[in-house]
Structures are given as C-alpha cells and as structure tokens.
Amino acid sequence: MKTKTSRASLAAAAMLAAGWLASPVSAQTQTPPAPAQSAAQPAPAGPAPAAPSAPSASTAAAPTASPAATVSTTAKPDAAAVAPAMKELSPWVMFMSADVIVKAVMIGLAFASLMTWTVFIAKSVELSVASAKLRSALKKISETRSLAEAQMALGAKEGILPSFLAAALREARMSAGLSSDAGIKERAASSFSEIVRAEARRIRIGMGVLATIGSTSPFVGLFGTVWGIMNSFIGISKSQTTNLAVVAPGIAEALLATAIGLVAAIPAVIIYNHFSRVTKSYLELVSRASGAAARLLSRDLDRSHGSVHSRAAE
C-alpha cells in the first residue's frame, strides 16, 4: 500500500512539473508553483489547470499601475497652476507694467514721434504749394519788360516774387532824381537779401524740432531703459532669485523705451535730411525770383536814362 501511494505522489509531481513548464513566463515569475500534495492525499490523475495564474498576474499588475496613475493625476494640477502665472509680453502689457518714470519717457517719445509726422505733413504741403506758386509766377513774368508790367501780370497776389517787385519799385521811387544807377541797384539788392533771409527763416520753421527729436530721442529712450533695468535688479535682489521668468519682464519693459526712442529718432533724421534738400531747391527758386526782379529794375533804370538822354538831345 505504501508503494502505491508513493508511486501516485511521484506521478502527481511529474504532471505538476509538466504543467508549470507549459505555462507563460510571466505566470512563472508572478505565480509560485503550487505546493506538492501530501503523501496522505492522492493527486488527481488529470493535468493541473494553468488558468488560475492569469488572475494572479492581473492582481499583481494592478498595484504597480496605481502609483503611476497617482503621479500623473498629481502632476496635471501643478502644470495647470503654473500656466496662468505666465505673463504675456505684448507692448501694451509691458507699457502698463512699467515704472512711472519709464511710462513718462515712453509717452514723451510717442508725442515726439507724433510731432515728427505732423511736421512732415505740414512742411510737405507748405513746400509743395510754395514751390508751385513761385514757378507759376516766374513763368508769368518771363516775358514782361518792366516792373509795372510784371506787377500787372501777377495781380494782387501775395508771395515772394510780388515782394521782390514791390521792393524794387519802392527803391526806384525813393531814389528818383538820383543819377547813380549803381547805388539804386545796390540798395535794391540789399532789400532783396533781407527778403530772401526772411523767407529762408520762414520756410525752415519746424526743422529745428526735427533736428532736436532726431538727436535726443535715442538718449531719452536709453534713460528709460537704464531706469527700468535698475528697477529690475532691485526686484531681483528682493526676490532673491535669478530665474529668467522673473527677470525677463522687467528687462523687456525697459528695452521697450529704447525701441520707442529709435522709432521717434530714425524718421526724424530721415525727414530732416529730406526737407534740407527740398528747402535748398526752394531757396534756389527764390534766388531766381530775386534775379528776375533785379533784371526788371535794371531795364527800367536804363530805359529811364535813355529817355532822359533823348530828350536832352532834342
């Protein structure tokens, strides 16, 4: 009887080993082999089932997956909490977040830029209208023979050329009875020079503003930048951190002042140089008008002296 029982136990152990070898590797690692039945109880004759190993694997995997899920759920709220703290660095937001002095600098530079474009529009219209009128007046008197005829051709219009003609007639009338034509021409030329200088001063009104804006705006913007960077370093020392997210907004606000200064200065310099060329062309037209008036005065003087000589000969 003991021999039969031992043989049955050996057969059961052999069948259990064969079933364990046929099961998956994951089941081998996670499911320990079933203990051998006692010698007192006979083992079943069929093969051992491998199905119970699957539940043990799933139950072993579940506890390992739960910490990862917990970490992911805890990580998401942190990212959501950091996202709203990010600051949008648009020009308007940087202006509103800047210091009072930096704001004043930016507003002043914006006003200077507005003045630059206002002077540009006003002077462009003024110079174009003045040049067109003067060219038209010179064309009208190109065929006239005397000062009186030139005044009749121009009419009662105001302008630089009628001023030259009026000055020449006034000098001829005030010098009546004098025999020196050179003195009359010299005095008329002096009057013409005063008119040219007055016209040059009038036509250059506003260009000094352009020169001032073009030369000082970069330095004003630099002052705002230096002030803003000083405030940024003070904030860094108070927060005791050099994190770029803390430092960048203040530095960006400070650099915005320099950018606005360059925006105001560069167009001012370009417009000033443009008006310098246009003004020079206009003053050349004024010189032509002065020369035309001087020629008409010389003709009148020669004509008056010729008539006097002819009467004396008669």
C-alpha atoms as a PDB file:
ATOM      1  CA  MET A   1       0.000   0.000   0.000  1.00  0.00           C
ATOM      2  CA  LYS A   2       2.821   2.406   0.790  1.00  0.00           C
ATOM      3  CA  THR A   3       4.420   1.650  -2.577  1.00  0.00           C
ATOM      4  CA  LYS A   4       1.247   2.513  -4.474  1.00  0.00           C
ATOM      5  CA  THR A   5       0.898   5.753  -2.573  1.00  0.00           C
ATOM      6  CA  SER A   6       4.468   6.808  -3.292  1.00  0.00           C
ATOM      7  CA  ARG A   7       4.075   5.989  -6.942  1.00  0.00           C
ATOM      8  CA  ALA A   8       0.924   8.104  -7.121  1.00  0.00           C
ATOM      9  CA  SER A   9       2.734  11.021  -5.450  1.00  0.00           C
ATOM     10  CA  LEU A  10       5.604  10.824  -7.929  1.00  0.00           C
ATOM     11  CA  ALA A  11       3.141  10.776 -10.837  1.00  0.00           C
ATOM     12  CA  ALA A  12       1.331  13.824  -9.488  1.00  0.00           C
ATOM     13  CA  ALA A  13       4.609  15.705  -9.043  1.00  0.00           C
ATOM     14  CA  ALA A  14       5.625  14.886 -12.625  1.00  0.00           C
ATOM     15  CA  MET A  15       2.303  16.134 -14.016  1.00  0.00           C
ATOM     16  CA  LEU A  16       2.563  19.347 -11.979  1.00  0.00           C
ATOM     17  CA  ALA A  17       6.077  20.000 -13.285  1.00  0.00           C
ATOM     18  CA  ALA A  18       4.917  19.479 -16.881  1.00  0.00           C
ATOM     19  CA  GLY A  19       2.020  21.945 -16.438  1.00  0.00           C
ATOM     20  CA  TRP A  20       4.312  24.519 -14.859  1.00  0.00           C
ATOM     21  CA  LEU A  21       6.748  24.321 -17.781  1.00  0.00           C
ATOM     22  CA  ALA A  22       3.873  24.753 -20.271  1.00  0.00           C
ATOM     23  CA  SER A  23       2.549  27.968 -18.562  1.00  0.00           C
ATOM     24  CA  PRO A  24       3.710  31.560 -19.784  1.00  0.00           C
ATOM     25  CA  VAL A  25       6.903  33.093 -18.452  1.00  0.00           C
ATOM     26  CA  SER A  26       5.005  35.943 -16.738  1.00  0.00           C
ATOM     27  CA  ALA A  27       2.922  33.401 -14.868  1.00  0.00           C
ATOM     28  CA  GLN A  28       6.092  31.615 -13.842  1.00  0.00           C
ATOM     29  CA  THR A  29       7.570  34.763 -12.390  1.00  0.00           C
ATOM     30  CA  GLN A  30       4.472  36.005 -10.601  1.00  0.00           C
ATOM     31  CA  THR A  31       2.669  32.772  -9.629  1.00  0.00           C
ATOM     32  CA  PRO A  32       4.602  30.476  -7.338  1.00  0.00           C
ATOM     33  CA  PRO A  33       4.263  26.801  -8.042  1.00  0.00           C
ATOM     34  CA  ALA A  34       1.592  25.034  -6.108  1.00  0.00           C
ATOM     35  CA  PRO A  35       2.930  23.023  -3.178  1.00  0.00           C
ATOM     36  CA  ALA A  36       3.089  19.291  -3.577  1.00  0.00           C
ATOM     37  CA  GLN A  37       0.205  17.449  -2.155  1.00  0.00           C
ATOM     38  CA  SER A  38       0.815  15.484   0.949  1.00  0.00           C
ATOM     39  CA  ALA A  39       1.557  11.880   0.671  1.00  0.00           C
ATOM     40  CA  ALA A  40      -1.611  11.079   2.555  1.00  0.00           C
ATOM     41  CA  GLN A  41      -3.894  12.508  -0.161  1.00  0.00           C
ATOM     42  CA  PRO A  42      -3.695  11.078  -3.678  1.00  0.00           C
ATOM     43  CA  ALA A  43      -3.246  13.603  -6.537  1.00  0.00           C
ATOM     44  CA  PRO A  44      -5.798  13.714  -9.368  1.00  0.00           C
ATOM     45  CA  ALA A  45      -4.925  11.851 -12.477  1.00  0.00           C
ATOM     46  CA  GLY A  46      -5.557  14.782 -14.964  1.00  0.00           C
ATOM     47  CA  PRO A  47      -3.142  17.670 -15.738  1.00  0.00           C
ATOM     48  CA  ALA A  48      -3.026  20.704 -13.427  1.00  0.00           C
ATOM     49  CA  PRO A  49      -5.005  23.749 -14.786  1.00  0.00           C
ATOM     50  CA  ALA A  50      -2.962  26.867 -15.694  1.00  0.00           C
ATOM     51  CA  ALA A  51      -5.944  29.303 -15.652  1.00  0.00           C
ATOM     52  CA  PRO A  52      -5.538  30.468 -12.022  1.00  0.00           C
ATOM     53  CA  SER A  53      -2.202  32.005 -12.930  1.00  0.00           C
ATOM     54  CA  ALA A  54      -3.894  34.812 -15.014  1.00  0.00           C
ATOM     55  CA  PRO A  55      -5.854  36.353 -12.147  1.00  0.00           C
ATOM     56  CA  SER A  56      -2.738  36.398 -10.035  1.00  0.00           C
ATOM     57  CA  ALA A  57      -0.890  38.295 -12.788  1.00  0.00           C
ATOM     58  CA  SER A  58      -3.638  40.888 -13.105  1.00  0.00           C
ATOM     59  CA  THR A  59      -3.814  41.330  -9.400  1.00  0.00           C
ATOM     60  CA  ALA A  60      -0.044  41.758  -9.276  1.00  0.00           C
ATOM     61  CA  ALA A  61      -0.074  44.348 -12.063  1.00  0.00           C
ATOM     62  CA  ALA A  62      -2.851  46.410 -10.551  1.00  0.00           C
ATOM     63  CA  PRO A  63      -0.928  47.581  -7.502  1.00  0.00           C
ATOM     64  CA  THR A  64       2.077  48.515  -9.631  1.00  0.00           C
ATOM     65  CA  ALA A  65      -0.016  50.626 -12.029  1.00  0.00           C
ATOM     66  CA  SER A  66      -1.804  52.592  -9.364  1.00  0.00           C
ATOM     67  CA  PRO A  67       1.230  54.693  -8.205  1.00  0.00           C
ATOM     68  CA  ALA A  68       1.868  55.878 -11.785  1.00  0.00           C
ATOM     69  CA  ALA A  69      -1.733  56.895 -12.175  1.00  0.00           C
ATOM     70  CA  THR A  70      -1.496  58.732  -8.885  1.00  0.00           C
ATOM     71  CA  VAL A  71       1.651  60.577 -10.031  1.00  0.00           C
ATOM     72  CA  SER A  72       0.043  61.611 -13.336  1.00  0.00           C
ATOM     73  CA  THR A  73      -3.036  62.938 -11.610  1.00  0.00           C
ATOM     74  CA  THR A  74      -0.934  64.924  -9.184  1.00  0.00           C
ATOM     75  CA  ALA A  75       1.302  66.299 -11.977  1.00  0.00           C
ATOM     76  CA  LYS A  76      -1.579  67.762 -14.006  1.00  0.00           C
ATOM     77  CA  PRO A  77      -2.788  70.239 -11.378  1.00  0.00           C
ATOM     78  CA  ASP A  78       0.782  71.545 -10.996  1.00  0.00           C
ATOM     79  CA  ALA A  79       1.020  72.314 -14.723  1.00  0.00           C
ATOM     80  CA  ALA A  80      -2.389  73.952 -14.663  1.00  0.00           C
ATOM     81  CA  ALA A  81      -1.334  76.059 -11.724  1.00  0.00           C
ATOM     82  CA  VAL A  82       1.844  77.231 -13.479  1.00  0.00           C
ATOM     83  CA  ALA A  83       0.195  78.093 -16.813  1.00  0.00           C
ATOM     84  CA  PRO A  84      -1.963  81.028 -15.638  1.00  0.00           C
ATOM     85  CA  ALA A  85       1.071  82.592 -13.980  1.00  0.00           C
ATOM     86  CA  MET A  86       2.791  83.114 -17.347  1.00  0.00           C
ATOM     87  CA  LYS A  87       2.821  86.797 -18.388  1.00  0.00           C
ATOM     88  CA  GLU A  88       2.036  87.899 -21.925  1.00  0.00           C
ATOM     89  CA  LEU A  89       4.810  90.263 -23.053  1.00  0.00           C
ATOM     90  CA  SER A  90       2.909  92.395 -25.551  1.00  0.00           C
ATOM     91  CA  PRO A  91       3.872  96.090 -25.974  1.00  0.00           C
ATOM     92  CA  TRP A  92       0.716  97.307 -24.258  1.00  0.00           C
ATOM     93  CA  VAL A  93       1.128  94.943 -21.299  1.00  0.00           C
ATOM     94  CA  MET A  94       4.779  95.950 -20.948  1.00  0.00           C
ATOM     95  CA  PHE A  95       3.798  99.630 -21.018  1.00  0.00           C
ATOM     96  CA  MET A  96       1.132  99.166 -18.361  1.00  0.00           C
ATOM     97  CA  SER A  97       3.513  97.170 -16.147  1.00  0.00           C
ATOM     98  CA  ALA A  98       6.390  99.652 -16.442  1.00  0.00           C
ATOM     99  CA  ASP A  99       7.509 102.122 -13.793  1.00  0.00           C
ATOM    100  CA  VAL A 100       6.012 105.631 -13.667  1.00  0.00           C
ATOM    101  CA  ILE A 101       9.194 107.269 -14.945  1.00  0.00           C
ATOM    102  CA  VAL A 102       9.534 104.730 -17.761  1.00  0.00           C
ATOM    103  CA  LYS A 103       5.901 105.368 -18.690  1.00  0.00           C
ATOM    104  CA  ALA A 104       6.569 109.123 -18.773  1.00  0.00           C
ATOM    105  CA  VAL A 105       9.567 108.541 -21.050  1.00  0.00           C
ATOM    106  CA  MET A 106       7.511 106.373 -23.392  1.00  0.00           C
ATOM    107  CA  ILE A 107       4.671 108.890 -23.549  1.00  0.00           C
ATOM    108  CA  GLY A 108       7.105 111.723 -24.264  1.00  0.00           C
ATOM    109  CA  LEU A 109       8.758 109.754 -27.060  1.00  0.00           C
ATOM    110  CA  ALA A 110       5.381 108.859 -28.546  1.00  0.00           C
ATOM    111  CA  PHE A 111       4.438 112.559 -28.504  1.00  0.00           C
ATOM    112  CA  ALA A 112       7.772 113.410 -30.183  1.00  0.00           C
ATOM    113  CA  SER A 113       7.046 110.853 -32.894  1.00  0.00           C
ATOM    114  CA  LEU A 114       3.594 112.400 -33.401  1.00  0.00           C
ATOM    115  CA  MET A 115       5.200 115.843 -33.756  1.00  0.00           C
ATOM    116  CA  THR A 116       7.650 114.456 -36.309  1.00  0.00           C
ATOM    117  CA  TRP A 117       4.906 113.166 -38.580  1.00  0.00           C
ATOM    118  CA  THR A 118       2.849 116.347 -38.074  1.00  0.00           C
ATOM    119  CA  VAL A 119       5.800 118.496 -39.182  1.00  0.00           C
ATOM    120  CA  PHE A 120       6.377 116.149 -42.111  1.00  0.00           C
ATOM    121  CA  ILE A 121       2.815 116.508 -43.396  1.00  0.00           C
ATOM    122  CA  ALA A 122       2.631 120.277 -42.784  1.00  0.00           C
ATOM    123  CA  LYS A 123       6.012 121.071 -44.340  1.00  0.00           C
ATOM    124  CA  SER A 124       5.379 118.807 -47.314  1.00  0.00           C
ATOM    125  CA  VAL A 125       2.169 120.671 -48.121  1.00  0.00           C
ATOM    126  CA  GLU A 126       3.755 124.080 -47.473  1.00  0.00           C
ATOM    127  CA  LEU A 127       6.840 123.472 -49.630  1.00  0.00           C
ATOM    128  CA  SER A 128       4.918 121.915 -52.484  1.00  0.00           C
ATOM    129  CA  VAL A 129       2.401 124.795 -52.575  1.00  0.00           C
ATOM    130  CA  ALA A 130       5.103 127.489 -52.263  1.00  0.00           C
ATOM    131  CA  SER A 131       7.252 125.924 -54.993  1.00  0.00           C
ATOM    132  CA  ALA A 132       4.303 125.568 -57.347  1.00  0.00           C
ATOM    133  CA  LYS A 133       3.231 129.212 -56.818  1.00  0.00           C
ATOM    134  CA  LEU A 134       6.751 130.546 -57.327  1.00  0.00           C
ATOM    135  CA  ARG A 135       7.282 128.552 -60.528  1.00  0.00           C
ATOM    136  CA  SER A 136       3.967 129.791 -61.864  1.00  0.00           C
ATOM    137  CA  ALA A 137       4.851 133.419 -61.013  1.00  0.00           C
ATOM    138  CA  LEU A 138       8.256 133.147 -62.676  1.00  0.00           C
ATOM    139  CA  LYS A 139       6.609 131.769 -65.777  1.00  0.00           C
ATOM    140  CA  LYS A 140       4.160 134.677 -65.894  1.00  0.00           C
ATOM    141  CA  ILE A 141       6.829 137.407 -65.731  1.00  0.00           C
ATOM    142  CA  SER A 142       9.279 135.689 -68.050  1.00  0.00           C
ATOM    143  CA  GLU A 143       8.073 137.839 -70.999  1.00  0.00           C
ATOM    144  CA  THR A 144       7.462 141.117 -69.179  1.00  0.00           C
ATOM    145  CA  ARG A 145       9.621 144.192 -69.872  1.00  0.00           C
ATOM    146  CA  SER A 146       9.197 146.343 -66.759  1.00  0.00           C
ATOM    147  CA  LEU A 147       8.369 146.165 -63.078  1.00  0.00           C
ATOM    148  CA  ALA A 148       4.933 147.705 -63.585  1.00  0.00           C
ATOM    149  CA  GLU A 149       4.112 145.206 -66.326  1.00  0.00           C
ATOM    150  CA  ALA A 150       5.257 142.349 -64.111  1.00  0.00           C
ATOM    151  CA  GLN A 151       3.034 143.561 -61.282  1.00  0.00           C
ATOM    152  CA  MET A 152       0.070 143.708 -63.619  1.00  0.00           C
ATOM    153  CA  ALA A 153       0.799 140.155 -64.799  1.00  0.00           C
ATOM    154  CA  LEU A 154       0.882 138.833 -61.235  1.00  0.00           C
ATOM    155  CA  GLY A 155      -2.066 140.865 -59.994  1.00  0.00           C
ATOM    156  CA  ALA A 156      -2.659 141.491 -56.308  1.00  0.00           C
ATOM    157  CA  LYS A 157      -1.404 138.076 -55.215  1.00  0.00           C
ATOM    158  CA  GLU A 158       0.807 137.630 -52.200  1.00  0.00           C
ATOM    159  CA  GLY A 159       4.078 135.768 -52.464  1.00  0.00           C
ATOM    160  CA  ILE A 160       7.810 136.070 -52.562  1.00  0.00           C
ATOM    161  CA  LEU A 161       8.028 137.377 -56.129  1.00  0.00           C
ATOM    162  CA  PRO A 162       5.483 140.185 -55.608  1.00  0.00           C
ATOM    163  CA  SER A 163       7.528 141.145 -52.544  1.00  0.00           C
ATOM    164  CA  PHE A 164      10.656 141.475 -54.722  1.00  0.00           C
ATOM    165  CA  LEU A 165       8.804 143.581 -57.283  1.00  0.00           C
ATOM    166  CA  ALA A 166       7.322 145.818 -54.601  1.00  0.00           C
ATOM    167  CA  ALA A 167      10.753 146.358 -53.017  1.00  0.00           C
ATOM    168  CA  ALA A 168      12.295 147.245 -56.401  1.00  0.00           C
ATOM    169  CA  LEU A 169       9.534 149.742 -57.224  1.00  0.00           C
ATOM    170  CA  ARG A 170       9.772 151.285 -53.779  1.00  0.00           C
ATOM    171  CA  GLU A 171      13.533 151.752 -54.121  1.00  0.00           C
ATOM    172  CA  ALA A 172      13.173 153.241 -57.610  1.00  0.00           C
ATOM    173  CA  ARG A 173      10.539 155.688 -56.374  1.00  0.00           C
ATOM    174  CA  MET A 174      12.550 156.686 -53.327  1.00  0.00           C
ATOM    175  CA  SER A 175      15.688 157.173 -55.443  1.00  0.00           C
ATOM    176  CA  ALA A 176      14.014 159.364 -58.018  1.00  0.00           C
ATOM    177  CA  GLY A 177      16.204 162.254 -59.108  1.00  0.00           C
ATOM    178  CA  LEU A 178      19.448 160.447 -58.365  1.00  0.00           C
ATOM    179  CA  SER A 179      21.774 159.873 -61.262  1.00  0.00           C
ATOM    180  CA  SER A 180      23.669 156.900 -59.815  1.00  0.00           C
ATOM    181  CA  ASP A 181      22.145 153.661 -61.081  1.00  0.00           C
ATOM    182  CA  ALA A 182      24.741 151.623 -59.163  1.00  0.00           C
ATOM    183  CA  GLY A 183      23.516 152.995 -55.847  1.00  0.00           C
ATOM    184  CA  ILE A 184      19.908 152.167 -56.687  1.00  0.00           C
ATOM    185  CA  LYS A 185      20.796 148.622 -57.688  1.00  0.00           C
ATOM    186  CA  GLU A 186      22.895 148.144 -54.566  1.00  0.00           C
ATOM    187  CA  ARG A 187      20.120 149.299 -52.273  1.00  0.00           C
ATOM    188  CA  ALA A 188      17.603 147.134 -54.116  1.00  0.00           C
ATOM    189  CA  ALA A 189      19.938 144.127 -53.796  1.00  0.00           C
ATOM    190  CA  SER A 190      20.179 144.756 -50.058  1.00  0.00           C
ATOM    191  CA  SER A 191      16.379 144.742 -49.809  1.00  0.00           C
ATOM    192  CA  PHE A 192      16.263 141.528 -51.831  1.00  0.00           C
ATOM    193  CA  SER A 193      18.761 139.882 -49.442  1.00  0.00           C
ATOM    194  CA  GLU A 194      16.620 140.764 -46.447  1.00  0.00           C
ATOM    195  CA  ILE A 195      13.560 139.266 -48.159  1.00  0.00           C
ATOM    196  CA  VAL A 196      15.486 136.069 -49.002  1.00  0.00           C
ATOM    197  CA  ARG A 197      16.723 135.674 -45.435  1.00  0.00           C
ATOM    198  CA  ALA A 198      13.223 136.206 -44.045  1.00  0.00           C
ATOM    199  CA  GLU A 199      11.814 133.638 -46.470  1.00  0.00           C
ATOM    200  CA  ALA A 200      14.562 131.153 -45.547  1.00  0.00           C
ATOM    201  CA  ARG A 201      13.742 131.554 -41.847  1.00  0.00           C
ATOM    202  CA  ARG A 202      10.038 131.114 -42.527  1.00  0.00           C
ATOM    203  CA  ILE A 203      10.459 128.022 -44.671  1.00  0.00           C
ATOM    204  CA  ARG A 204      12.744 126.365 -42.103  1.00  0.00           C
ATOM    205  CA  ILE A 205      10.221 126.624 -39.284  1.00  0.00           C
ATOM    206  CA  GLY A 206       9.761 123.149 -37.819  1.00  0.00           C
ATOM    207  CA  MET A 207      13.076 121.750 -38.976  1.00  0.00           C
ATOM    208  CA  GLY A 208      14.669 122.617 -35.645  1.00  0.00           C
ATOM    209  CA  VAL A 209      12.085 120.387 -33.962  1.00  0.00           C
ATOM    210  CA  LEU A 210      13.053 117.529 -36.271  1.00  0.00           C
ATOM    211  CA  ALA A 211      16.733 118.040 -35.512  1.00  0.00           C
ATOM    212  CA  THR A 212      16.083 118.068 -31.762  1.00  0.00           C
ATOM    213  CA  ILE A 213      13.949 114.927 -31.855  1.00  0.00           C
ATOM    214  CA  GLY A 214      16.391 113.081 -34.072  1.00  0.00           C
ATOM    215  CA  SER A 215      19.374 113.870 -31.847  1.00  0.00           C
ATOM    216  CA  THR A 216      17.865 113.459 -28.367  1.00  0.00           C
ATOM    217  CA  SER A 217      15.251 110.690 -28.687  1.00  0.00           C
ATOM    218  CA  PRO A 218      17.745 107.772 -28.527  1.00  0.00           C
ATOM    219  CA  PHE A 219      19.278 109.172 -25.333  1.00  0.00           C
ATOM    220  CA  VAL A 220      15.866 109.767 -23.744  1.00  0.00           C
ATOM    221  CA  GLY A 221      14.904 106.187 -24.558  1.00  0.00           C
ATOM    222  CA  LEU A 222      18.212 104.981 -23.136  1.00  0.00           C
ATOM    223  CA  PHE A 223      17.470 106.845 -19.905  1.00  0.00           C
ATOM    224  CA  GLY A 224      14.156 104.993 -19.626  1.00  0.00           C
ATOM    225  CA  THR A 225      15.935 101.696 -20.285  1.00  0.00           C
ATOM    226  CA  VAL A 226      18.569 102.315 -17.611  1.00  0.00           C
ATOM    227  CA  TRP A 227      15.896 103.268 -15.100  1.00  0.00           C
ATOM    228  CA  GLY A 228      13.846 100.165 -15.875  1.00  0.00           C
ATOM    229  CA  ILE A 229      16.843  97.846 -15.627  1.00  0.00           C
ATOM    230  CA  MET A 230      17.744  99.352 -12.242  1.00  0.00           C
ATOM    231  CA  ASN A 231      14.232  98.573 -11.028  1.00  0.00           C
ATOM    232  CA  SER A 232      14.564  95.032 -12.403  1.00  0.00           C
ATOM    233  CA  PHE A 233      17.780  94.453 -10.459  1.00  0.00           C
ATOM    234  CA  ILE A 234      16.137  95.813  -7.333  1.00  0.00           C
ATOM    235  CA  GLY A 235      13.309  93.333  -7.834  1.00  0.00           C
ATOM    236  CA  ILE A 236      15.825  90.520  -8.312  1.00  0.00           C
ATOM    237  CA  SER A 237      17.540  91.389  -5.051  1.00  0.00           C
ATOM    238  CA  LYS A 238      14.214  91.449  -3.201  1.00  0.00           C
ATOM    239  CA  SER A 239      13.006  88.141  -4.658  1.00  0.00           C
ATOM    240  CA  GLN A 240      16.481  86.586  -4.225  1.00  0.00           C
ATOM    241  CA  THR A 241      16.224  84.647  -7.469  1.00  0.00           C
ATOM    242  CA  THR A 242      17.823  84.860 -10.888  1.00  0.00           C
ATOM    243  CA  ASN A 243      15.147  82.885 -12.682  1.00  0.00           C
ATOM    244  CA  LEU A 244      14.695  84.150 -16.240  1.00  0.00           C
ATOM    245  CA  ALA A 245      10.920  84.148 -15.882  1.00  0.00           C
ATOM    246  CA  VAL A 246      11.306  86.688 -13.057  1.00  0.00           C
ATOM    247  CA  VAL A 247      13.974  88.836 -14.714  1.00  0.00           C
ATOM    248  CA  ALA A 248      12.720  88.902 -18.330  1.00  0.00           C
ATOM    249  CA  PRO A 249       9.518  91.024 -17.963  1.00  0.00           C
ATOM    250  CA  GLY A 250      11.277  93.947 -16.270  1.00  0.00           C
ATOM    251  CA  ILE A 251      14.138  93.977 -18.773  1.00  0.00           C
ATOM    252  CA  ALA A 252      11.689  93.763 -21.688  1.00  0.00           C
ATOM    253  CA  GLU A 253       9.746  96.739 -20.320  1.00  0.00           C
ATOM    254  CA  ALA A 254      12.982  98.710 -20.028  1.00  0.00           C
ATOM    255  CA  LEU A 255      14.112  97.865 -23.554  1.00  0.00           C
ATOM    256  CA  LEU A 256      10.746  98.994 -24.908  1.00  0.00           C
ATOM    257  CA  ALA A 257      11.714 102.583 -24.037  1.00  0.00           C
ATOM    258  CA  THR A 258      14.816 102.359 -26.227  1.00  0.00           C
ATOM    259  CA  ALA A 259      12.763 100.870 -29.049  1.00  0.00           C
ATOM    260  CA  ILE A 260      10.274 103.759 -28.907  1.00  0.00           C
ATOM    261  CA  GLY A 261      13.180 106.225 -28.822  1.00  0.00           C
ATOM    262  CA  LEU A 262      14.586 104.733 -32.027  1.00  0.00           C
ATOM    263  CA  VAL A 263      11.129 104.768 -33.613  1.00  0.00           C
ATOM    264  CA  ALA A 264      10.937 108.508 -32.892  1.00  0.00           C
ATOM    265  CA  ALA A 265      14.538 109.345 -33.851  1.00  0.00           C
ATOM    266  CA  ILE A 266      15.066 107.466 -37.119  1.00  0.00           C
ATOM    267  CA  PRO A 267      12.108 109.031 -39.021  1.00  0.00           C
ATOM    268  CA  ALA A 268      13.010 112.462 -37.626  1.00  0.00           C
ATOM    269  CA  VAL A 269      16.553 112.257 -39.026  1.00  0.00           C
ATOM    270  CA  ILE A 270      15.351 110.970 -42.411  1.00  0.00           C
ATOM    271  CA  ILE A 271      12.637 113.649 -42.678  1.00  0.00           C
ATOM    272  CA  TYR A 272      15.090 116.376 -41.652  1.00  0.00           C
ATOM    273  CA  ASN A 273      17.523 115.383 -44.402  1.00  0.00           C
ATOM    274  CA  HIS A 274      14.670 115.244 -46.911  1.00  0.00           C
ATOM    275  CA  PHE A 275      13.462 118.728 -46.026  1.00  0.00           C
ATOM    276  CA  SER A 276      17.018 120.060 -46.159  1.00  0.00           C
ATOM    277  CA  ARG A 277      17.195 119.050 -49.829  1.00  0.00           C
ATOM    278  CA  VAL A 278      13.693 120.315 -50.631  1.00  0.00           C
ATOM    279  CA  THR A 279      14.312 123.619 -48.835  1.00  0.00           C
ATOM    280  CA  LYS A 280      17.549 124.113 -50.741  1.00  0.00           C
ATOM    281  CA  SER A 281      15.683 123.631 -54.037  1.00  0.00           C
ATOM    282  CA  TYR A 282      13.026 126.119 -52.964  1.00  0.00           C
ATOM    283  CA  LEU A 283      15.609 128.720 -51.946  1.00  0.00           C
ATOM    284  CA  GLU A 284      17.188 128.367 -55.386  1.00  0.00           C
ATOM    285  CA  LEU A 285      13.807 129.310 -56.865  1.00  0.00           C
ATOM    286  CA  VAL A 286      13.730 132.309 -54.510  1.00  0.00           C
ATOM    287  CA  SER A 287      17.151 133.363 -55.781  1.00  0.00           C
ATOM    288  CA  ARG A 288      15.836 133.106 -59.349  1.00  0.00           C
ATOM    289  CA  ALA A 289      12.918 135.355 -58.404  1.00  0.00           C
ATOM    290  CA  SER A 290      15.315 137.873 -56.865  1.00  0.00           C
ATOM    291  CA  GLY A 291      17.401 137.871 -60.017  1.00  0.00           C
ATOM    292  CA  ALA A 292      14.311 138.366 -62.184  1.00  0.00           C
ATOM    293  CA  ALA A 293      13.239 141.385 -60.133  1.00  0.00           C
ATOM    294  CA  ALA A 294      16.762 142.833 -60.292  1.00  0.00           C
ATOM    295  CA  ARG A 295      16.825 142.490 -64.090  1.00  0.00           C
ATOM    296  CA  LEU A 296      13.475 144.230 -64.453  1.00  0.00           C
ATOM    297  CA  LEU A 297      14.724 147.075 -62.223  1.00  0.00           C
ATOM    298  CA  SER A 298      17.875 147.420 -64.319  1.00  0.00           C
ATOM    299  CA  ARG A 299      15.799 147.627 -67.512  1.00  0.00           C
ATOM    300  CA  ASP A 300      13.605 150.315 -66.025  1.00  0.00           C
ATOM    301  CA  LEU A 301      16.639 152.337 -64.953  1.00  0.00           C
ATOM    302  CA  ASP A 302      18.278 152.041 -68.342  1.00  0.00           C
ATOM    303  CA  ARG A 303      15.026 152.928 -70.072  1.00  0.00           C
ATOM    304  CA  SER A 304      14.514 155.989 -67.883  1.00  0.00           C
ATOM    305  CA  HIS A 305      18.060 157.208 -68.506  1.00  0.00           C
ATOM    306  CA  GLY A 306      17.686 156.577 -72.234  1.00  0.00           C
ATOM    307  CA  SER A 307      14.556 158.703 -72.372  1.00  0.00           C
ATOM    308  CA  VAL A 308      16.324 161.483 -70.457  1.00  0.00           C
ATOM    309  CA  HIS A 309      19.245 161.431 -72.910  1.00  0.00           C
ATOM    310  CA  SER A 310      16.915 161.502 -75.899  1.00  0.00           C
ATOM    311  CA  ARG A 311      15.048 164.485 -74.517  1.00  0.00           C
ATOM    312  CA  ALA A 312      18.318 166.282 -73.881  1.00  0.00           C
ATOM    313  CA  ALA A 313      19.410 165.626 -77.437  1.00  0.00           C
ATOM    314  CA  GLU A 314      16.198 167.095 -78.790  1.00  0.00           C
END
